[in-house]
Every structure is written in C-alpha cells, then in structure tokens.
Amino acid sequence: MQENEDMEDIHLTNRQKEVLKCVIGGDSNPVIAKKLSISLSTVKAHVSAIIDKFHVESRIDVTREAMKRGFDI
C-alpha cells in the first residue's frame, strides 16, 4: 500500500467491506461464502479485488494494512 493512504482512500464496495471484515476475522473463503450467502467464486473475486485495491500481495498483507489504516471491524 502506498504511504499516506488511509481507509478513506481505498474505495471498497459495501460487499467488499463485508468480505474484508471476514478476512480480517480469519475466515476462510468457504466460511465467508456461507456467512454472506454468496458463491465461493464470488468470494474469490472479491478477495482478489480487495488485494488489488490495497496494492498488496496476499490476504495476510490486506489484514495487516487494514488494521494499520484503522479499518473498523
């Protein structure tokens, strides 16, 4: 993630925010799919989009950056 960015600079859809909350909580993709009543492929697409928007390599990096940037779970 680029310096000086906070959560307001990362434009996530409401659904992406829900998925991010689950990722931060440590949920696996199948668990997220069940919790949010969406398909596994949709979860994967959301996680991939979130990773891209955060400019990081993995969901672990997303979790770290979201927490550092003050994402409220």
C-alpha atoms as a PDB file:
ATOM      1  CA  MET A   1       0.000   0.000   0.000  1.00  0.00           C
ATOM      2  CA  GLN A   2       1.233   3.474  -0.766  1.00  0.00           C
ATOM      3  CA  GLU A   3       2.228   5.714   2.130  1.00  0.00           C
ATOM      4  CA  ASN A   4      -0.265   8.220   3.480  1.00  0.00           C
ATOM      5  CA  GLU A   5      -3.267   6.221   2.355  1.00  0.00           C
ATOM      6  CA  ASP A   6      -5.995   5.504   4.844  1.00  0.00           C
ATOM      7  CA  MET A   7      -9.193   3.522   4.535  1.00  0.00           C
ATOM      8  CA  GLU A   8     -10.998   6.509   3.009  1.00  0.00           C
ATOM      9  CA  ASP A   9      -8.550   6.417   0.087  1.00  0.00           C
ATOM     10  CA  ILE A  10      -9.392   2.790  -0.649  1.00  0.00           C
ATOM     11  CA  HIS A  11     -12.761   2.673  -2.328  1.00  0.00           C
ATOM     12  CA  LEU A  12     -14.413  -0.633  -1.443  1.00  0.00           C
ATOM     13  CA  THR A  13     -17.968  -1.605  -2.231  1.00  0.00           C
ATOM     14  CA  ASN A  14     -20.222  -2.469   0.689  1.00  0.00           C
ATOM     15  CA  ARG A  15     -19.864  -6.157  -0.165  1.00  0.00           C
ATOM     16  CA  GLN A  16     -16.076  -5.857  -0.331  1.00  0.00           C
ATOM     17  CA  LYS A  17     -16.150  -4.266   3.122  1.00  0.00           C
ATOM     18  CA  GLU A  18     -18.163  -7.250   4.396  1.00  0.00           C
ATOM     19  CA  VAL A  19     -15.680  -9.663   2.828  1.00  0.00           C
ATOM     20  CA  LEU A  20     -12.753  -7.678   4.243  1.00  0.00           C
ATOM     21  CA  LYS A  21     -14.258  -7.866   7.715  1.00  0.00           C
ATOM     22  CA  CYS A  22     -14.421 -11.658   7.360  1.00  0.00           C
ATOM     23  CA  VAL A  23     -10.864 -11.851   6.029  1.00  0.00           C
ATOM     24  CA  ILE A  24      -9.613  -9.784   8.975  1.00  0.00           C
ATOM     25  CA  GLY A  25     -11.526 -12.127  11.265  1.00  0.00           C
ATOM     26  CA  GLY A  26      -9.559 -15.043   9.818  1.00  0.00           C
ATOM     27  CA  ASP A  27     -12.414 -16.679   7.928  1.00  0.00           C
ATOM     28  CA  SER A  28     -11.583 -18.942   5.001  1.00  0.00           C
ATOM     29  CA  ASN A  29     -13.194 -18.396   1.613  1.00  0.00           C
ATOM     30  CA  PRO A  30     -15.739 -21.208   2.114  1.00  0.00           C
ATOM     31  CA  VAL A  31     -16.727 -19.772   5.509  1.00  0.00           C
ATOM     32  CA  ILE A  32     -17.099 -16.292   4.001  1.00  0.00           C
ATOM     33  CA  ALA A  33     -19.265 -17.700   1.206  1.00  0.00           C
ATOM     34  CA  LYS A  34     -21.561 -19.368   3.700  1.00  0.00           C
ATOM     35  CA  LYS A  35     -21.736 -16.344   6.037  1.00  0.00           C
ATOM     36  CA  LEU A  36     -22.567 -13.930   3.226  1.00  0.00           C
ATOM     37  CA  SER A  37     -24.680 -16.367   1.177  1.00  0.00           C
ATOM     38  CA  ILE A  38     -22.561 -15.939  -1.940  1.00  0.00           C
ATOM     39  CA  SER A  39     -20.675 -18.403  -4.116  1.00  0.00           C
ATOM     40  CA  LEU A  40     -17.091 -19.387  -3.478  1.00  0.00           C
ATOM     41  CA  SER A  41     -16.069 -17.926  -6.842  1.00  0.00           C
ATOM     42  CA  THR A  42     -17.667 -14.608  -5.872  1.00  0.00           C
ATOM     43  CA  VAL A  43     -15.720 -14.592  -2.608  1.00  0.00           C
ATOM     44  CA  LYS A  44     -12.502 -15.260  -4.515  1.00  0.00           C
ATOM     45  CA  ALA A  45     -13.278 -12.405  -6.900  1.00  0.00           C
ATOM     46  CA  HIS A  46     -13.926 -10.025  -4.004  1.00  0.00           C
ATOM     47  CA  VAL A  47     -10.757 -11.055  -2.164  1.00  0.00           C
ATOM     48  CA  SER A  48      -8.732 -10.605  -5.337  1.00  0.00           C
ATOM     49  CA  ALA A  49     -10.241  -7.149  -5.929  1.00  0.00           C
ATOM     50  CA  ILE A  50      -9.519  -6.153  -2.312  1.00  0.00           C
ATOM     51  CA  ILE A  51      -5.898  -7.287  -2.629  1.00  0.00           C
ATOM     52  CA  ASP A  52      -5.567  -5.226  -5.818  1.00  0.00           C
ATOM     53  CA  LYS A  53      -7.106  -2.144  -4.218  1.00  0.00           C
ATOM     54  CA  PHE A  54      -4.720  -2.385  -1.283  1.00  0.00           C
ATOM     55  CA  HIS A  55      -1.746  -2.814  -3.657  1.00  0.00           C
ATOM     56  CA  VAL A  56      -0.507  -5.837  -1.691  1.00  0.00           C
ATOM     57  CA  GLU A  57       0.299  -9.468  -2.416  1.00  0.00           C
ATOM     58  CA  SER A  58      -1.874 -11.515  -0.062  1.00  0.00           C
ATOM     59  CA  ARG A  59      -4.835 -11.570   2.295  1.00  0.00           C
ATOM     60  CA  ILE A  60      -2.397 -11.519   5.207  1.00  0.00           C
ATOM     61  CA  ASP A  61      -0.993  -8.246   3.863  1.00  0.00           C
ATOM     62  CA  VAL A  62      -4.545  -6.919   3.441  1.00  0.00           C
ATOM     63  CA  THR A  63      -5.309  -7.733   7.072  1.00  0.00           C
ATOM     64  CA  ARG A  64      -2.128  -6.062   8.270  1.00  0.00           C
ATOM     65  CA  GLU A  65      -2.712  -2.931   6.175  1.00  0.00           C
ATOM     66  CA  ALA A  66      -6.401  -2.650   7.027  1.00  0.00           C
ATOM     67  CA  MET A  67      -5.653  -2.836  10.727  1.00  0.00           C
ATOM     68  CA  LYS A  68      -2.807  -0.340  10.371  1.00  0.00           C
ATOM     69  CA  ARG A  69      -5.135   2.014   8.490  1.00  0.00           C
ATOM     70  CA  GLY A  70      -7.855   1.759  11.118  1.00  0.00           C
ATOM     71  CA  PHE A  71     -10.432  -0.421   9.393  1.00  0.00           C
ATOM     72  CA  ASP A  72     -13.195  -0.869  11.924  1.00  0.00           C
ATOM     73  CA  ILE A  73     -14.275  -4.455  12.425  1.00  0.00           C
END
